[in-house]
Amino acid sequence: MKINVASFNPLTADVQGNAEKIIGLLHSPAEQVPLLILPEAALCGCPLFDLFEDKQLLSQQTIALKQIAQATKTQACVLGYADKQAGQVTTAAAFIYKGKITKIFDTETISFQGKLIQFSLLSPQDVAADPDADLVVFLQARPYIKGNVSPRLDALKKFAKKHGVACVLCNLLGGGDGMIFDGLAAAADAKGNLVYLGELFKEQLETFDTEEKHKPVSYHLPAIEELVEALSFGVADYVTKSGFDKVVLGVSGGIDSAVTAALAARALGGESVFCISLPSYCTSDLSKTLAGKLAVQLGVNLEEVGVKPLLETSKESLAHIVSHPKDLTTQALQSRLRTDILAALAAEYHALLLSTDDKSESLVGPLMIYGQSEGDLQPIGDLYKTEVYEIADWLNKQGNLIPRGIIERAPTSELKPNQKDEDELPPYGVLDKLLKGYMEEGKTPEELAKKLRLKTDTVKKVLSRVNQADRSRRKMAPALQVSDRPLSLRLRPIIKKINL
């Protein structure tokens, strides 16, 4: 049977707009075949959070399904949406043909044009196969996590081989609130061979014949390239769906802002990226030079706005209360002034403001509440510092995008003269292992000290910073989620005392 498989990118909660896109696919000039397959949540988008149970949204979907049903004359389609079952709202699918709507919850086998097709909203490892099915179709909305593409394909092949039935997988495409859906579309034959694989992170409509013999294909995208593609797509989709076509970010001559700018340029084109250098009294000439080289190599816009005059004016305004501000006070002022400037320029350019923090910095600081962690989106917020360097190295192999001086210099926030992150913290190669061990693996300070050959007091000092930074992390922008343990899913109390 010939089928059209759609990597479909809906806008969350825009039921009418999504329905019009679906009807457009039914009327598209693509080959008119018996069945169009769309992913889970195609009609409503994902994630919905509290909108999942919104009565108006549920009602809109009912109306939209009827509109789609009127458009299915010679071609059937199956798509995901949200519906009620036994009084509870749940994910569902609708098989629509010749005006008739058949609802599917979890899994259902439907007779269509002499074939039995089993449709499922579950993962292959969770489905009991119908022994009479001629084809099994998996509709999914599984968020992308680095390294999870191959396991999903392996599960599809294993299911097909075990049950001796051809299978098709159609995953949601798009992004929402930090989640990234990769639009994975694939098919396996009854022997368990992967025989069709669509392009990731791309909206497309492909025709596939489930009964023809196809040469086996394989998935071979390197993990680091897959991650870069995911982040670039995540930036582009988030910016576009937020109603913008440009971004603003601060560049410091450091690795985080450099990689963030590179991802933004890759996603939107350099002409749509506005980098702002924000030198202060403690900014080195090297930082300004490297920021300039970065802009040239990426082909992005670069402007400089000095923070020192604003800092001095702010300190003068406080002089009748604080005649000699503490170092921390001055650092906080610098950080917040930089954010104010970036936010003002984002408003002026009608652009989305990117935060450049990585996961390591978000865990241990230096973060200033209402400071540099503010923004609309953190493209690298779910990456440890060592992963950011890996991306920089990969990007340079593709086209020498990031100056070597940025990669080789010691990380610094430059909130005071001659400051280096490693003055107060272990090297990032060690620090990231410590942070991952504590936050993701639940290891004790003593276990981490022994494993990493650190003093227990050093470990406890770092972990105390992690625990104190929870207040600042609550104010952070959404981060593109590419790990199975993003900080956005770690809801820790602000008011607490953790005895390490």
Protein backbone atom coordinates (compact mmCIF):
# COMPACT_ATOMS: atom_id res chain seq x y z
CA MET A 1 0.00 0.00 0.00
CA LYS A 2 1.26 3.45 -0.87
CA ILE A 3 1.20 5.95 1.95
CA ASN A 4 2.20 9.58 2.44
CA VAL A 5 4.16 10.16 5.67
CA ALA A 6 4.24 13.73 6.94
CA SER A 7 6.87 15.25 9.20
CA PHE A 8 4.36 17.78 10.45
CA ASN A 9 5.11 20.93 12.47
CA PRO A 10 1.96 22.28 14.17
CA LEU A 11 1.64 25.45 16.22
CA THR A 12 0.54 24.55 19.74
CA ALA A 13 -3.15 25.31 20.43
CA ASP A 14 -3.71 26.74 16.91
CA VAL A 15 -6.24 24.08 16.05
CA GLN A 16 -7.78 25.93 13.09
CA GLY A 17 -4.41 26.80 11.59
CA ASN A 18 -3.17 23.24 12.00
CA ALA A 19 -6.36 21.85 10.46
CA GLU A 20 -5.92 24.09 7.42
CA LYS A 21 -2.36 22.80 6.98
CA ILE A 22 -3.60 19.22 7.20
CA ILE A 23 -6.31 19.85 4.61
CA GLY A 24 -3.63 21.46 2.46
CA LEU A 25 -1.62 18.22 2.61
CA LEU A 26 -4.69 16.26 1.54
CA HIS A 27 -4.99 18.58 -1.46
CA SER A 28 -1.26 18.82 -2.12
CA PRO A 29 0.25 18.05 -5.53
CA ALA A 30 2.10 15.12 -3.93
CA GLU A 31 1.14 11.73 -5.26
CA GLN A 32 -2.45 10.95 -4.35
CA VAL A 33 -2.21 7.71 -2.40
CA PRO A 34 -4.75 5.93 -0.18
CA LEU A 35 -3.46 7.06 3.23
CA LEU A 36 -1.88 10.17 4.75
CA ILE A 37 -0.11 9.60 8.09
CA LEU A 38 0.41 12.49 10.50
CA PRO A 39 1.95 12.27 13.99
CA GLU A 40 0.54 12.29 17.48
CA ALA A 41 -0.67 15.78 18.54
CA ALA A 42 -0.69 16.99 14.92
CA LEU A 43 -3.97 18.83 15.41
CA CYS A 44 -3.32 20.40 18.82
CA GLY A 45 0.46 20.67 19.04
CA CYS A 46 2.67 19.83 22.00
CA PRO A 47 3.29 20.50 24.85
CA LEU A 48 -0.09 21.82 25.93
CA PHE A 49 0.47 21.71 29.71
CA ASP A 50 -2.72 23.04 31.37
CA LEU A 51 -4.32 23.70 27.97
CA PHE A 52 -4.50 19.92 27.61
CA GLU A 53 -7.81 20.02 29.49
CA ASP A 54 -9.07 23.34 28.14
CA LYS A 55 -12.72 22.90 27.17
CA GLN A 56 -12.56 25.42 24.34
CA LEU A 57 -9.52 23.70 22.83
CA LEU A 58 -11.25 20.32 22.99
CA SER A 59 -14.33 21.79 21.33
CA GLN A 60 -12.22 23.37 18.58
CA GLN A 61 -10.63 20.01 17.83
CA THR A 62 -14.06 18.37 17.42
CA ILE A 63 -15.03 21.03 14.88
CA ALA A 64 -11.68 20.75 13.07
CA LEU A 65 -11.94 16.97 12.76
CA LYS A 66 -15.27 17.39 11.00
CA GLN A 67 -13.72 19.91 8.61
CA ILE A 68 -10.89 17.49 7.84
CA ALA A 69 -13.42 14.68 7.38
CA GLN A 70 -15.17 16.70 4.70
CA ALA A 71 -11.85 16.96 2.82
CA THR A 72 -11.13 13.21 2.83
CA LYS A 73 -12.84 12.01 -0.32
CA THR A 74 -10.54 9.50 -1.98
CA GLN A 75 -7.71 9.65 0.57
CA ALA A 76 -7.85 8.64 4.22
CA CYS A 77 -5.75 10.23 6.92
CA VAL A 78 -4.79 9.45 10.50
CA LEU A 79 -3.66 12.12 12.94
CA GLY A 80 -3.17 12.74 16.63
CA TYR A 81 -5.16 15.11 18.84
CA ALA A 82 -6.51 15.35 22.42
CA ASP A 83 -9.87 13.87 23.44
CA LYS A 84 -11.81 12.57 26.40
CA GLN A 85 -12.03 8.89 27.28
CA ALA A 86 -14.08 7.81 30.29
CA GLY A 87 -14.26 11.44 31.38
CA GLN A 88 -10.48 11.94 31.32
CA VAL A 89 -8.58 13.96 28.72
CA THR A 90 -5.95 11.87 26.95
CA THR A 91 -3.95 11.69 23.76
CA ALA A 92 -5.88 10.12 20.91
CA ALA A 93 -5.78 9.58 17.17
CA ALA A 94 -8.47 9.86 14.53
CA PHE A 95 -8.68 7.71 11.42
CA ILE A 96 -10.71 9.70 8.91
CA TYR A 97 -12.11 8.39 5.63
CA LYS A 98 -15.02 9.47 3.46
CA GLY A 99 -16.41 11.72 6.17
CA LYS A 100 -16.26 9.08 8.92
CA ILE A 101 -14.13 9.61 12.03
CA THR A 102 -12.89 6.56 13.95
CA LYS A 103 -11.31 7.41 17.30
CA ILE A 104 -8.23 5.54 18.47
CA PHE A 105 -7.04 5.40 22.08
CA ASP A 106 -3.68 3.70 22.67
CA THR A 107 -3.99 1.15 19.84
CA GLU A 108 -6.61 -0.01 17.35
CA THR A 109 -6.73 -2.21 14.24
CA ILE A 110 -8.78 -0.84 11.33
CA SER A 111 -9.73 -2.49 8.05
CA PHE A 112 -8.91 -0.24 5.12
CA GLN A 113 -8.95 -1.16 1.41
CA GLY A 114 -8.56 -4.87 2.08
CA LYS A 115 -5.73 -4.38 4.60
CA LEU A 116 -5.70 -4.55 8.38
CA ILE A 117 -3.73 -1.61 9.77
CA GLN A 118 -2.88 -1.39 13.44
CA PHE A 119 -2.50 2.20 14.64
CA SER A 120 -0.79 2.89 17.95
CA LEU A 121 0.09 5.89 20.08
CA LEU A 122 2.41 3.73 22.18
CA SER A 123 6.09 2.96 21.71
CA PRO A 124 6.96 -0.27 19.86
CA GLN A 125 8.23 -1.91 23.04
CA ASP A 126 4.88 -1.25 24.75
CA VAL A 127 2.55 -2.57 22.03
CA ALA A 128 0.95 -5.99 21.78
CA ALA A 129 0.98 -6.68 18.06
CA ASP A 130 -2.21 -7.71 16.31
CA PRO A 131 -1.23 -11.04 14.66
CA ASP A 132 -3.57 -10.32 11.74
CA ALA A 133 -2.24 -6.84 10.98
CA ASP A 134 -0.70 -6.22 7.54
CA LEU A 135 0.87 -2.96 8.70
CA VAL A 136 1.55 -1.29 12.06
CA VAL A 137 1.70 2.50 12.25
CA PHE A 138 3.17 4.29 15.29
CA LEU A 139 2.06 7.90 15.80
CA GLN A 140 4.34 9.60 18.30
CA ALA A 141 5.23 12.92 19.92
CA ARG A 142 8.48 11.94 21.64
CA PRO A 143 10.82 14.83 22.49
CA TYR A 144 14.32 14.69 21.09
CA ILE A 145 17.07 13.76 23.53
CA LYS A 146 20.68 13.57 22.37
CA GLY A 147 21.39 10.02 21.33
CA ASN A 148 17.77 8.80 21.30
CA VAL A 149 17.24 8.59 17.54
CA SER A 150 19.07 5.30 17.00
CA PRO A 151 17.36 3.53 19.95
CA ARG A 152 13.93 4.48 18.59
CA LEU A 153 14.85 3.12 15.17
CA ASP A 154 16.22 -0.06 16.76
CA ALA A 155 12.94 -0.53 18.66
CA LEU A 156 10.98 -0.18 15.41
CA LYS A 157 13.18 -2.74 13.60
CA LYS A 158 13.02 -5.15 16.53
CA PHE A 159 9.22 -4.96 16.64
CA ALA A 160 8.93 -5.53 12.87
CA LYS A 161 11.26 -8.54 12.94
CA LYS A 162 9.71 -10.09 16.04
CA HIS A 163 6.16 -9.91 14.67
CA GLY A 164 6.97 -10.29 10.97
CA VAL A 165 5.05 -7.18 9.96
CA ALA A 166 5.92 -3.97 8.15
CA CYS A 167 5.96 -0.91 10.40
CA VAL A 168 5.89 2.86 9.99
CA LEU A 169 6.85 5.46 12.59
CA CYS A 170 5.79 9.10 12.37
CA ASN A 171 7.02 11.46 15.10
CA LEU A 172 5.97 15.05 15.72
CA LEU A 173 8.13 17.88 14.38
CA GLY A 174 8.66 21.27 15.99
CA GLY A 175 9.43 22.90 19.29
CA GLY A 176 7.62 24.30 22.25
CA ASP A 177 8.75 25.72 25.61
CA GLY A 178 12.22 24.24 25.20
CA MET A 179 11.16 20.82 23.94
CA ILE A 180 12.36 19.75 20.50
CA PHE A 181 10.47 17.23 18.36
CA ASP A 182 12.63 15.86 15.55
CA GLY A 183 9.99 14.75 13.02
CA LEU A 184 11.51 11.27 12.80
CA ALA A 185 9.78 9.34 9.99
CA ALA A 186 10.84 5.77 9.26
CA ALA A 187 9.68 2.39 8.02
CA ALA A 188 10.87 -1.17 8.57
CA ASP A 189 9.97 -4.23 6.49
CA ALA A 190 8.70 -7.52 7.91
CA LYS A 191 12.27 -8.81 8.23
CA GLY A 192 13.26 -5.94 10.49
CA ASN A 193 15.24 -3.99 7.90
CA LEU A 194 15.06 -0.22 7.99
CA VAL A 195 13.83 0.62 4.47
CA TYR A 196 12.80 4.27 4.74
CA LEU A 197 14.20 7.16 6.76
CA GLY A 198 13.15 10.77 6.37
CA GLU A 199 15.35 13.76 7.08
CA LEU A 200 15.33 14.91 10.70
CA PHE A 201 14.28 18.41 11.77
CA LYS A 202 12.63 19.17 8.45
CA GLU A 203 8.98 19.51 7.44
CA GLN A 204 8.37 17.14 4.54
CA LEU A 205 5.84 14.86 2.88
CA GLU A 206 7.20 11.59 1.49
CA THR A 207 5.48 8.77 -0.41
CA PHE A 208 6.36 5.21 0.59
CA ASP A 209 5.07 1.84 -0.67
CA THR A 210 4.86 -0.67 2.16
CA GLU A 211 4.63 -3.66 -0.19
CA GLU A 212 7.53 -2.93 -2.52
CA LYS A 213 10.98 -4.37 -1.90
CA HIS A 214 13.35 -1.65 -0.76
CA LYS A 215 17.05 -1.63 -0.17
CA PRO A 216 17.93 -1.39 3.52
CA VAL A 217 19.04 2.04 4.71
CA SER A 218 20.86 3.06 7.86
CA TYR A 219 21.08 5.98 10.22
CA HIS A 220 24.61 7.27 10.48
CA LEU A 221 24.46 10.93 11.58
CA PRO A 222 27.30 11.51 14.09
CA ALA A 223 26.06 12.32 17.59
CA ILE A 224 27.61 15.78 17.69
CA GLU A 225 26.17 16.72 14.28
CA GLU A 226 22.75 15.43 15.34
CA LEU A 227 22.96 17.63 18.45
CA VAL A 228 23.95 20.73 16.49
CA GLU A 229 21.12 20.14 14.01
CA ALA A 230 18.67 19.77 16.90
CA LEU A 231 19.80 22.98 18.60
CA SER A 232 19.81 24.97 15.36
CA PHE A 233 16.33 23.76 14.51
CA GLY A 234 15.19 24.46 18.08
CA VAL A 235 16.37 28.06 17.87
CA ALA A 236 14.76 28.66 14.48
CA ASP A 237 11.45 27.11 15.46
CA TYR A 238 11.25 28.88 18.83
CA VAL A 239 12.08 32.28 17.32
CA THR A 240 9.66 31.92 14.40
CA LYS A 241 6.76 30.62 16.49
CA SER A 242 7.32 33.46 18.96
CA GLY A 243 6.63 35.92 16.14
CA PHE A 244 10.19 37.13 15.53
CA ASP A 245 12.69 36.89 12.69
CA LYS A 246 15.73 38.31 14.51
CA VAL A 247 17.65 37.70 17.73
CA VAL A 248 19.80 39.82 20.02
CA LEU A 249 22.52 38.49 22.33
CA GLY A 250 25.51 39.76 24.23
CA VAL A 251 28.95 38.61 23.08
CA SER A 252 31.92 38.70 25.42
CA GLY A 253 34.73 36.98 23.56
CA GLY A 254 33.91 33.85 25.57
CA ILE A 255 32.93 30.36 24.49
CA ASP A 256 29.26 30.41 25.52
CA SER A 257 28.28 33.56 23.65
CA ALA A 258 30.35 32.43 20.66
CA VAL A 259 28.60 29.07 20.34
CA THR A 260 25.19 30.66 20.97
CA ALA A 261 25.85 33.18 18.20
CA ALA A 262 27.06 30.43 15.87
CA LEU A 263 23.91 28.37 16.45
CA ALA A 264 21.72 31.43 15.92
CA ALA A 265 23.50 32.28 12.66
CA ARG A 266 23.15 28.68 11.52
CA ALA A 267 19.44 28.76 12.37
CA LEU A 268 18.43 32.18 11.08
CA GLY A 269 21.24 33.49 8.88
CA GLY A 270 23.89 35.95 10.04
CA GLU A 271 21.92 39.00 8.90
CA SER A 272 19.24 38.18 11.48
CA VAL A 273 21.66 37.93 14.43
CA PHE A 274 22.54 41.11 16.33
CA CYS A 275 25.51 40.64 18.64
CA ILE A 276 26.16 43.33 21.24
CA SER A 277 29.56 43.81 22.88
CA LEU A 278 29.15 45.34 26.34
CA PRO A 279 32.61 46.31 27.64
CA SER A 280 33.05 47.62 31.16
CA TYR A 281 36.01 48.78 33.24
CA CYS A 282 37.20 45.19 33.69
CA THR A 283 36.79 44.07 30.06
CA SER A 284 40.08 43.14 28.44
CA ASP A 285 41.17 44.29 25.01
CA LEU A 286 41.38 40.60 24.09
CA SER A 287 37.65 40.16 24.74
CA LYS A 288 36.77 43.03 22.43
CA THR A 289 39.15 41.78 19.74
CA LEU A 290 37.78 38.24 19.87
CA ALA A 291 34.17 39.47 19.75
CA GLY A 292 35.05 41.38 16.57
CA LYS A 293 36.72 38.37 14.96
CA LEU A 294 33.74 36.18 15.85
CA ALA A 295 31.30 38.58 14.17
CA VAL A 296 33.38 38.62 10.99
CA GLN A 297 33.76 34.83 10.84
CA LEU A 298 30.05 34.24 11.49
CA GLY A 299 28.83 37.07 9.27
CA VAL A 300 26.63 38.53 12.02
CA ASN A 301 25.92 42.12 13.04
CA LEU A 302 28.04 43.56 15.85
CA GLU A 303 27.54 46.74 17.87
CA GLU A 304 29.37 47.98 20.96
CA VAL A 305 27.69 49.68 23.90
CA GLY A 306 29.93 50.70 26.79
CA VAL A 307 28.65 49.82 30.24
CA LYS A 308 31.20 51.85 32.23
CA PRO A 309 29.41 55.26 31.96
CA LEU A 310 26.12 53.70 33.07
CA LEU A 311 27.89 51.87 35.90
CA GLU A 312 29.48 55.06 37.18
CA THR A 313 26.17 56.91 36.99
CA SER A 314 24.44 54.12 38.91
CA LYS A 315 27.10 54.17 41.62
CA GLU A 316 26.76 57.95 41.89
CA SER A 317 23.00 57.54 42.30
CA LEU A 318 23.64 55.16 45.19
CA ALA A 319 26.41 57.21 46.77
CA HIS A 320 24.18 58.82 49.42
CA ILE A 321 23.35 55.30 50.63
CA VAL A 322 26.45 53.28 49.70
CA SER A 323 29.61 55.35 49.34
CA HIS A 324 31.88 52.38 48.55
CA PRO A 325 29.88 49.49 47.01
CA LYS A 326 31.09 45.97 47.66
CA ASP A 327 32.61 44.02 44.77
CA LEU A 328 29.49 41.85 44.59
CA THR A 329 27.29 44.95 44.37
CA THR A 330 29.35 46.33 41.50
CA GLN A 331 29.25 42.97 39.72
CA ALA A 332 25.48 42.82 40.13
CA LEU A 333 25.10 46.32 38.70
CA GLN A 334 27.25 45.46 35.68
CA SER A 335 25.31 42.29 34.98
CA ARG A 336 21.93 43.95 35.23
CA LEU A 337 22.94 46.98 33.20
CA ARG A 338 24.09 44.67 30.42
CA THR A 339 20.74 42.89 30.49
CA ASP A 340 18.87 46.21 30.44
CA ILE A 341 20.79 47.27 27.35
CA LEU A 342 20.18 43.97 25.59
CA ALA A 343 16.47 44.04 26.48
CA ALA A 344 16.16 47.61 25.19
CA LEU A 345 17.82 46.73 21.89
CA ALA A 346 15.69 43.61 21.54
CA ALA A 347 12.61 45.81 21.88
CA GLU A 348 14.05 48.35 19.41
CA TYR A 349 14.85 45.69 16.80
CA HIS A 350 11.69 43.68 17.54
CA ALA A 351 13.98 40.72 18.19
CA LEU A 352 14.02 37.80 20.60
CA LEU A 353 16.66 38.04 23.34
CA LEU A 354 18.92 34.99 23.70
CA SER A 355 20.56 34.10 26.99
CA THR A 356 24.03 32.60 26.62
CA ASP A 357 24.28 30.60 29.87
CA ASP A 358 25.27 26.94 29.77
CA LYS A 359 24.22 24.24 32.24
CA SER A 360 27.44 24.40 34.26
CA GLU A 361 27.11 28.14 34.83
CA SER A 362 23.42 27.77 35.64
CA LEU A 363 24.31 25.28 38.35
CA VAL A 364 27.19 27.07 40.06
CA GLY A 365 26.95 30.69 38.90
CA PRO A 366 27.96 33.35 38.62
CA LEU A 367 24.28 34.17 38.02
CA MET A 368 22.69 37.43 39.09
CA ILE A 369 18.96 37.29 39.65
CA TYR A 370 17.39 39.67 37.09
CA GLY A 371 20.89 39.73 35.58
CA GLN A 372 22.64 38.07 32.67
CA SER A 373 20.56 34.92 33.03
CA GLU A 374 17.52 36.84 31.78
CA GLY A 375 16.29 36.39 28.22
CA ASP A 376 13.67 34.66 26.12
CA LEU A 377 15.56 31.47 25.31
CA GLN A 378 18.75 29.63 26.32
CA PRO A 379 20.00 27.72 23.26
CA ILE A 380 22.82 26.01 25.23
CA GLY A 381 21.15 25.94 28.65
CA ASP A 382 21.02 22.12 28.71
CA LEU A 383 24.69 21.66 27.79
CA TYR A 384 27.56 21.36 30.22
CA LYS A 385 30.56 23.57 29.49
CA THR A 386 32.59 20.65 28.13
CA GLU A 387 29.79 19.91 25.66
CA VAL A 388 29.84 23.54 24.53
CA TYR A 389 33.54 23.17 23.70
CA GLU A 390 32.80 19.97 21.76
CA ILE A 391 30.26 21.84 19.64
CA ALA A 392 32.75 24.65 19.03
CA ASP A 393 35.37 22.17 17.82
CA TRP A 394 32.84 20.51 15.48
CA LEU A 395 31.66 23.85 14.08
CA ASN A 396 35.24 24.83 13.33
CA LYS A 397 35.81 21.61 11.42
CA GLN A 398 32.88 22.60 9.20
CA GLY A 399 34.09 26.11 8.45
CA ASN A 400 36.39 27.79 10.99
CA LEU A 401 33.52 29.70 12.55
CA ILE A 402 34.86 30.40 16.04
CA PRO A 403 38.27 32.06 16.59
CA ARG A 404 40.80 29.73 18.22
CA GLY A 405 41.50 32.43 20.80
CA ILE A 406 37.98 32.02 22.17
CA ILE A 407 38.34 28.26 22.47
CA GLU A 408 41.79 28.44 24.06
CA ARG A 409 41.26 31.26 26.58
CA ALA A 410 40.37 30.51 30.19
CA PRO A 411 36.61 30.95 30.84
CA THR A 412 35.75 34.19 32.65
CA SER A 413 32.66 36.26 33.34
CA GLU A 414 34.84 39.42 33.56
CA LEU A 415 32.79 40.94 36.35
CA LYS A 416 35.99 42.05 38.06
CA PRO A 417 39.57 42.55 36.77
CA ASN A 418 41.62 39.46 35.84
CA GLN A 419 38.82 37.12 36.92
CA LYS A 420 38.85 33.47 35.86
CA ASP A 421 36.17 30.90 36.61
CA GLU A 422 38.80 28.39 37.74
CA ASP A 423 39.99 30.78 40.48
CA GLU A 424 37.02 29.60 42.52
CA LEU A 425 36.04 26.34 40.82
CA PRO A 426 37.70 23.12 39.67
CA PRO A 427 38.55 22.92 35.93
CA TYR A 428 35.40 22.40 33.89
CA GLY A 429 36.49 18.92 32.81
CA VAL A 430 36.31 17.93 36.50
CA LEU A 431 33.50 20.29 37.49
CA ASP A 432 31.07 18.90 34.91
CA LYS A 433 31.61 15.36 36.18
CA LEU A 434 31.02 16.60 39.72
CA LEU A 435 27.80 18.42 38.75
CA LYS A 436 26.47 15.49 36.75
CA GLY A 437 27.27 13.08 39.56
CA TYR A 438 25.37 15.20 42.07
CA MET A 439 22.39 16.36 40.00
CA GLU A 440 21.81 13.34 37.78
CA GLU A 441 23.34 10.35 39.55
CA GLY A 442 22.56 11.24 43.17
CA LYS A 443 26.11 10.70 44.44
CA THR A 444 27.18 11.97 47.87
CA PRO A 445 29.98 14.51 48.37
CA GLU A 446 32.20 11.77 49.75
CA GLU A 447 31.60 9.52 46.74
CA LEU A 448 32.32 12.39 44.34
CA ALA A 449 35.47 13.40 46.20
CA LYS A 450 36.82 9.86 46.02
CA LYS A 451 35.88 9.35 42.36
CA LEU A 452 37.28 12.70 41.16
CA ARG A 453 40.25 12.80 43.57
CA LEU A 454 39.16 16.05 45.14
CA LYS A 455 39.09 17.22 48.72
CA THR A 456 35.69 16.67 50.31
CA ASP A 457 35.64 20.33 51.40
CA THR A 458 36.16 21.39 47.78
CA VAL A 459 33.25 19.24 46.64
CA LYS A 460 30.98 20.57 49.38
CA LYS A 461 31.91 24.15 48.50
CA VAL A 462 30.84 23.59 44.89
CA LEU A 463 27.63 21.80 45.87
CA SER A 464 26.75 24.60 48.29
CA ARG A 465 26.87 26.98 45.32
CA VAL A 466 24.57 24.65 43.40
CA ASN A 467 22.05 24.65 46.24
CA GLN A 468 22.24 28.43 46.76
CA ALA A 469 21.70 29.12 43.05
CA ASP A 470 18.18 27.66 42.97
CA ARG A 471 16.71 31.14 43.55
CA SER A 472 18.45 32.49 40.47
CA ARG A 473 17.56 29.48 38.32
CA ARG A 474 13.84 30.08 38.87
CA LYS A 475 14.20 33.30 36.88
CA MET A 476 16.01 31.79 33.91
CA ALA A 477 14.76 31.70 30.34
CA PRO A 478 13.53 28.37 28.90
CA ALA A 479 16.40 26.21 27.72
CA LEU A 480 16.36 23.99 24.65
CA GLN A 481 16.07 20.52 26.17
CA VAL A 482 18.43 17.91 24.74
CA SER A 483 19.17 15.75 27.79
CA ASP A 484 17.01 13.43 29.84
CA ARG A 485 17.64 15.56 32.95
CA PRO A 486 17.18 19.23 31.96
CA LEU A 487 17.22 21.73 34.81
CA SER A 488 13.68 22.79 33.95
CA LEU A 489 12.48 19.40 35.22
CA ARG A 490 14.39 19.72 38.50
CA LEU A 491 12.03 21.71 40.72
CA ARG A 492 14.00 22.25 43.90
CA PRO A 493 12.83 24.43 46.82
CA ILE A 494 14.28 27.91 47.07
CA ILE A 495 13.96 28.08 50.85
CA LYS A 496 15.93 25.16 52.24
CA LYS A 497 19.03 24.04 54.07
CA ILE A 498 20.77 21.00 52.65
CA ASN A 499 23.30 19.42 54.98
CA LEU A 500 26.06 18.06 52.77
